[in-house]
C-alpha atoms as a PDB file:
ATOM      1  CA  UNK A   1      93.946 168.800 106.673  1.00  0.00           C
ATOM      2  CA  UNK A   2      95.659 165.456 106.296  1.00  0.00           C
ATOM      3  CA  UNK A   3      97.531 163.777 109.148  1.00  0.00           C
ATOM      4  CA  UNK A   4     100.940 165.066 108.026  1.00  0.00           C
ATOM      5  CA  UNK A   5      99.644 168.637 107.721  1.00  0.00           C
ATOM      6  CA  UNK A   6      98.049 168.459 111.163  1.00  0.00           C
ATOM      7  CA  UNK A   7     101.241 167.138 112.711  1.00  0.00           C
ATOM      8  CA  UNK A   8     103.290 169.871 111.028  1.00  0.00           C
ATOM      9  CA  UNK A   9     100.767 172.508 112.191  1.00  0.00           C
ATOM     10  CA  UNK A  10     100.984 171.223 115.785  1.00  0.00           C
ATOM     11  CA  UNK A  11     104.772 171.212 115.747  1.00  0.00           C
ATOM     12  CA  UNK A  12     104.922 174.741 114.316  1.00  0.00           C
ATOM     13  CA  UNK A  13     102.383 175.980 116.892  1.00  0.00           C
ATOM     14  CA  UNK A  14     104.324 174.324 119.729  1.00  0.00           C
ATOM     15  CA  UNK A  15     107.626 175.851 118.640  1.00  0.00           C
ATOM     16  CA  UNK A  16     106.072 179.292 118.181  1.00  0.00           C
ATOM     17  CA  UNK A  17     104.322 179.064 121.549  1.00  0.00           C
ATOM     18  CA  UNK A  18     107.598 178.163 123.249  1.00  0.00           C
ATOM     19  CA  UNK A  19     109.388 181.042 121.509  1.00  0.00           C
ATOM     20  CA  UNK A  20     106.644 183.453 122.584  1.00  0.00           C
ATOM     21  CA  UNK A  21     106.902 182.324 126.204  1.00  0.00           C
ATOM     22  CA  UNK A  22     110.680 182.820 126.155  1.00  0.00           C
ATOM     23  CA  UNK A  23     110.290 186.209 124.426  1.00  0.00           C
ATOM     24  CA  UNK A  24     107.772 187.405 127.029  1.00  0.00           C
ATOM     25  CA  UNK A  25     109.762 186.025 129.966  1.00  0.00           C
ATOM     26  CA  UNK A  26     112.937 187.882 128.961  1.00  0.00           C
ATOM     27  CA  UNK A  27     111.075 191.117 128.353  1.00  0.00           C
ATOM     28  CA  UNK A  28     110.904 191.007 124.570  1.00  0.00           C
ATOM     29  CA  UNK A  29     111.631 193.939 122.356  1.00  0.00           C
ATOM     30  CA  UNK A  30     109.780 196.925 123.676  1.00  0.00           C
ATOM     31  CA  UNK A  31     109.164 200.061 121.731  1.00  0.00           C
ATOM     32  CA  UNK A  32     109.495 203.305 123.551  1.00  0.00           C
ATOM     33  CA  UNK A  33     106.274 204.642 121.995  1.00  0.00           C
ATOM     34  CA  UNK A  34     104.107 201.593 122.763  1.00  0.00           C
ATOM     35  CA  UNK A  35     101.877 201.791 125.802  1.00  0.00           C
ATOM     36  CA  UNK A  36     102.668 199.334 128.591  1.00  0.00           C
ATOM     37  CA  UNK A  37      99.788 197.807 130.553  1.00  0.00           C
ATOM     38  CA  UNK A  38     101.616 194.641 131.667  1.00  0.00           C
ATOM     39  CA  UNK A  39      99.950 192.885 134.605  1.00  0.00           C
ATOM     40  CA  UNK A  40      97.729 195.934 135.213  1.00  0.00           C
ATOM     41  CA  UNK A  41      94.158 195.367 136.460  1.00  0.00           C
ATOM     42  CA  UNK A  42      91.917 197.290 134.061  1.00  0.00           C
ATOM     43  CA  UNK A  43      88.542 195.765 134.837  1.00  0.00           C
ATOM     44  CA  UNK A  44      85.842 197.518 132.814  1.00  0.00           C
ATOM     45  CA  UNK A  45      88.309 199.913 131.127  1.00  0.00           C
ATOM     46  CA  UNK A  46      87.116 201.743 128.004  1.00  0.00           C
ATOM     47  CA  UNK A  47      89.579 201.615 125.103  1.00  0.00           C
ATOM     48  CA  UNK A  48      86.876 201.799 122.429  1.00  0.00           C
ATOM     49  CA  UNK A  49      87.969 203.374 119.143  1.00  0.00           C
ATOM     50  CA  UNK A  50      91.537 203.983 120.353  1.00  0.00           C
ATOM     51  CA  UNK A  51      94.745 203.333 118.434  1.00  0.00           C
ATOM     52  CA  UNK A  52      96.664 200.965 120.679  1.00  0.00           C
ATOM     53  CA  UNK A  53      99.108 199.683 118.050  1.00  0.00           C
ATOM     54  CA  UNK A  54     101.916 197.666 119.669  1.00  0.00           C
ATOM     55  CA  UNK A  55     100.584 198.214 123.200  1.00  0.00           C
ATOM     56  CA  UNK A  56     101.574 195.584 125.753  1.00  0.00           C
ATOM     57  CA  UNK A  57      98.735 194.029 127.749  1.00  0.00           C
ATOM     58  CA  UNK A  58     100.751 190.955 128.771  1.00  0.00           C
ATOM     59  CA  UNK A  59      98.940 189.215 131.661  1.00  0.00           C
ATOM     60  CA  UNK A  60      96.686 192.241 132.179  1.00  0.00           C
ATOM     61  CA  UNK A  61      93.335 191.763 133.883  1.00  0.00           C
ATOM     62  CA  UNK A  62      90.779 193.118 131.388  1.00  0.00           C
ATOM     63  CA  UNK A  63      87.401 191.523 132.167  1.00  0.00           C
ATOM     64  CA  UNK A  64      84.413 193.551 130.938  1.00  0.00           C
ATOM     65  CA  UNK A  65      86.749 195.998 129.166  1.00  0.00           C
ATOM     66  CA  UNK A  66      85.658 197.707 125.972  1.00  0.00           C
ATOM     67  CA  UNK A  67      88.000 197.475 122.973  1.00  0.00           C
ATOM     68  CA  UNK A  68      85.255 197.867 120.362  1.00  0.00           C
ATOM     69  CA  UNK A  69      86.566 199.242 117.060  1.00  0.00           C
ATOM     70  CA  UNK A  70      90.043 199.746 118.554  1.00  0.00           C
ATOM     71  CA  UNK A  71      93.235 199.329 116.546  1.00  0.00           C
ATOM     72  CA  UNK A  72      95.069 196.528 118.338  1.00  0.00           C
ATOM     73  CA  UNK A  73      97.537 195.644 115.588  1.00  0.00           C
ATOM     74  CA  UNK A  74     100.688 193.969 116.895  1.00  0.00           C
ATOM     75  CA  UNK A  75      99.558 194.173 120.526  1.00  0.00           C
ATOM     76  CA  UNK A  76     100.524 191.614 123.118  1.00  0.00           C
ATOM     77  CA  UNK A  77      97.591 190.162 124.997  1.00  0.00           C
ATOM     78  CA  UNK A  78      99.716 187.192 126.063  1.00  0.00           C
ATOM     79  CA  UNK A  79      98.076 185.594 129.095  1.00  0.00           C
ATOM     80  CA  UNK A  80      95.548 188.424 129.454  1.00  0.00           C
ATOM     81  CA  UNK A  81      92.124 187.896 131.061  1.00  0.00           C
ATOM     82  CA  UNK A  82      89.457 189.198 128.679  1.00  0.00           C
ATOM     83  CA  UNK A  83      86.364 187.512 130.076  1.00  0.00           C
ATOM     84  CA  UNK A  84      83.169 189.316 128.991  1.00  0.00           C
ATOM     85  CA  UNK A  85      85.263 191.915 127.112  1.00  0.00           C
ATOM     86  CA  UNK A  86      83.898 193.723 124.061  1.00  0.00           C
ATOM     87  CA  UNK A  87      86.225 193.518 121.042  1.00  0.00           C
ATOM     88  CA  UNK A  88      83.548 194.023 118.401  1.00  0.00           C
ATOM     89  CA  UNK A  89      85.087 195.333 115.191  1.00  0.00           C
ATOM     90  CA  UNK A  90      88.568 195.493 116.739  1.00  0.00           C
ATOM     91  CA  UNK A  91      91.617 195.033 114.509  1.00  0.00           C
ATOM     92  CA  UNK A  92      93.921 192.486 116.160  1.00  0.00           C
ATOM     93  CA  UNK A  93      96.061 191.833 113.075  1.00  0.00           C
ATOM     94  CA  UNK A  94      99.322 190.104 114.061  1.00  0.00           C
ATOM     95  CA  UNK A  95      98.529 190.345 117.760  1.00  0.00           C
ATOM     96  CA  UNK A  96      99.942 187.858 120.246  1.00  0.00           C
ATOM     97  CA  UNK A  97      96.971 186.402 122.103  1.00  0.00           C
ATOM     98  CA  UNK A  98      98.523 183.108 123.216  1.00  0.00           C
ATOM     99  CA  UNK A  99      97.174 181.865 126.554  1.00  0.00           C
ATOM    100  CA  UNK A 100      94.684 184.775 126.681  1.00  0.00           C
ATOM    101  CA  UNK A 101      91.174 184.004 127.946  1.00  0.00           C
ATOM    102  CA  UNK A 102      88.303 185.318 125.800  1.00  0.00           C
ATOM    103  CA  UNK A 103      85.528 183.581 127.753  1.00  0.00           C
ATOM    104  CA  UNK A 104      82.168 185.091 126.718  1.00  0.00           C
ATOM    105  CA  UNK A 105      84.054 187.867 124.884  1.00  0.00           C
ATOM    106  CA  UNK A 106      82.407 189.652 121.980  1.00  0.00           C
ATOM    107  CA  UNK A 107      84.677 189.257 118.941  1.00  0.00           C
ATOM    108  CA  UNK A 108      81.933 190.011 116.427  1.00  0.00           C
ATOM    109  CA  UNK A 109      83.455 191.331 113.179  1.00  0.00           C
ATOM    110  CA  UNK A 110      86.943 191.456 114.736  1.00  0.00           C
ATOM    111  CA  UNK A 111      89.975 190.974 112.502  1.00  0.00           C
ATOM    112  CA  UNK A 112      92.362 188.399 113.955  1.00  0.00           C
ATOM    113  CA  UNK A 113      94.504 187.929 110.865  1.00  0.00           C
ATOM    114  CA  UNK A 114      97.876 186.355 111.582  1.00  0.00           C
ATOM    115  CA  UNK A 115      97.361 186.227 115.360  1.00  0.00           C
ATOM    116  CA  UNK A 116      99.440 183.903 117.496  1.00  0.00           C
ATOM    117  CA  UNK A 117      96.645 182.267 119.448  1.00  0.00           C
ATOM    118  CA  UNK A 118      98.207 179.087 120.753  1.00  0.00           C
ATOM    119  CA  UNK A 119      96.449 178.027 123.983  1.00  0.00           C
ATOM    120  CA  UNK A 120      94.044 180.985 123.789  1.00  0.00           C
ATOM    121  CA  UNK A 121      90.603 180.189 125.251  1.00  0.00           C
ATOM    122  CA  UNK A 122      87.432 181.208 123.403  1.00  0.00           C
ATOM    123  CA  UNK A 123      84.763 179.483 125.517  1.00  0.00           C
ATOM    124  CA  UNK A 124      81.311 180.914 124.708  1.00  0.00           C
ATOM    125  CA  UNK A 125      82.855 183.792 122.713  1.00  0.00           C
ATOM    126  CA  UNK A 126      80.823 185.490 119.983  1.00  0.00           C
ATOM    127  CA  UNK A 127      82.902 185.147 116.801  1.00  0.00           C
ATOM    128  CA  UNK A 128      80.204 186.055 114.263  1.00  0.00           C
ATOM    129  CA  UNK A 129      81.934 187.669 111.280  1.00  0.00           C
ATOM    130  CA  UNK A 130      85.414 187.401 112.838  1.00  0.00           C
ATOM    131  CA  UNK A 131      88.327 186.936 110.416  1.00  0.00           C
ATOM    132  CA  UNK A 132      90.921 184.365 111.554  1.00  0.00           C
ATOM    133  CA  UNK A 133      92.956 184.289 108.307  1.00  0.00           C
ATOM    134  CA  UNK A 134      96.407 182.754 108.931  1.00  0.00           C
ATOM    135  CA  UNK A 135      95.813 182.583 112.699  1.00  0.00           C
ATOM    136  CA  UNK A 136      97.909 180.012 114.559  1.00  0.00           C
ATOM    137  CA  UNK A 137      95.320 178.231 116.678  1.00  0.00           C
ATOM    138  CA  UNK A 138      95.474 174.812 118.325  1.00  0.00           C
ATOM    139  CA  UNK A 139      93.377 172.194 116.580  1.00  0.00           C
ATOM    140  CA  UNK A 140      91.020 171.682 119.551  1.00  0.00           C
ATOM    141  CA  UNK A 141      90.364 175.439 119.774  1.00  0.00           C
ATOM    142  CA  UNK A 142      89.831 175.563 116.024  1.00  0.00           C
ATOM    143  CA  UNK A 143      87.207 172.807 116.286  1.00  0.00           C
ATOM    144  CA  UNK A 144      85.443 174.660 119.097  1.00  0.00           C
ATOM    145  CA  UNK A 145      85.428 177.870 117.055  1.00  0.00           C
ATOM    146  CA  UNK A 146      84.223 176.040 113.929  1.00  0.00           C
ATOM    147  CA  UNK A 147      81.266 174.655 115.904  1.00  0.00           C
ATOM    148  CA  UNK A 148      79.940 178.220 116.359  1.00  0.00           C
ATOM    149  CA  UNK A 149      81.474 180.050 113.372  1.00  0.00           C
ATOM    150  CA  UNK A 150      79.045 182.149 111.312  1.00  0.00           C
ATOM    151  CA  UNK A 151      79.027 185.336 109.308  1.00  0.00           C
ATOM    152  CA  UNK A 152      81.248 187.354 107.022  1.00  0.00           C
ATOM    153  CA  UNK A 153      83.580 190.107 108.134  1.00  0.00           C
ATOM    154  CA  UNK A 154      82.296 193.494 106.853  1.00  0.00           C
ATOM    155  CA  UNK A 155      85.832 194.880 106.337  1.00  0.00           C
ATOM    156  CA  UNK A 156      87.732 191.935 104.812  1.00  0.00           C
ATOM    157  CA  UNK A 157      84.624 190.319 103.276  1.00  0.00           C
ATOM    158  CA  UNK A 158      85.910 186.903 104.390  1.00  0.00           C
ATOM    159  CA  UNK A 159      83.629 184.181 105.749  1.00  0.00           C
ATOM    160  CA  UNK A 160      84.482 183.219 109.326  1.00  0.00           C
ATOM    161  CA  UNK A 161      84.237 179.469 108.630  1.00  0.00           C
ATOM    162  CA  UNK A 162      86.578 179.822 105.645  1.00  0.00           C
ATOM    163  CA  UNK A 163      89.184 181.767 107.636  1.00  0.00           C
ATOM    164  CA  UNK A 164      89.150 179.044 110.301  1.00  0.00           C
ATOM    165  CA  UNK A 165      89.534 176.347 107.636  1.00  0.00           C
ATOM    166  CA  UNK A 166      86.467 174.620 109.095  1.00  0.00           C
ATOM    167  CA  UNK A 167      85.553 172.582 106.042  1.00  0.00           C
ATOM    168  CA  UNK A 168      89.065 171.411 105.106  1.00  0.00           C
END
């Protein structure tokens, strides 16, 4: 990315992050059918293989939880704690994961297409085969992810490094 593109990317991410914070603070648009786990401590919970489309996990405590192969499309994990969580093969397409903490989380083969990930933390996360196509990620987080990015997603057939734009 050239300097102008990086600046534009940062500005867009900042504006989107601000809008997300405002949206979450005022309660956002909630669907009556979506499950609400806001601020709930769910340490070690097992959501593996479940369809959790549009569920709200805003600021939930989810360390060591199992979301492997779960459908998490359009979920809100805004500010959630997902340390040591298992999200292997999970579909997080268009999820809001801004300010979430994925420290040591297993995101192997996860699909994170179009996620809003501004200020999300991925320290020591396993991202082998994860697909980050069109994800809005801060540049410093992108560099951290690129330093460990390997593999190809078995569902989308996209290379993790390519989806993170590591070599651009």
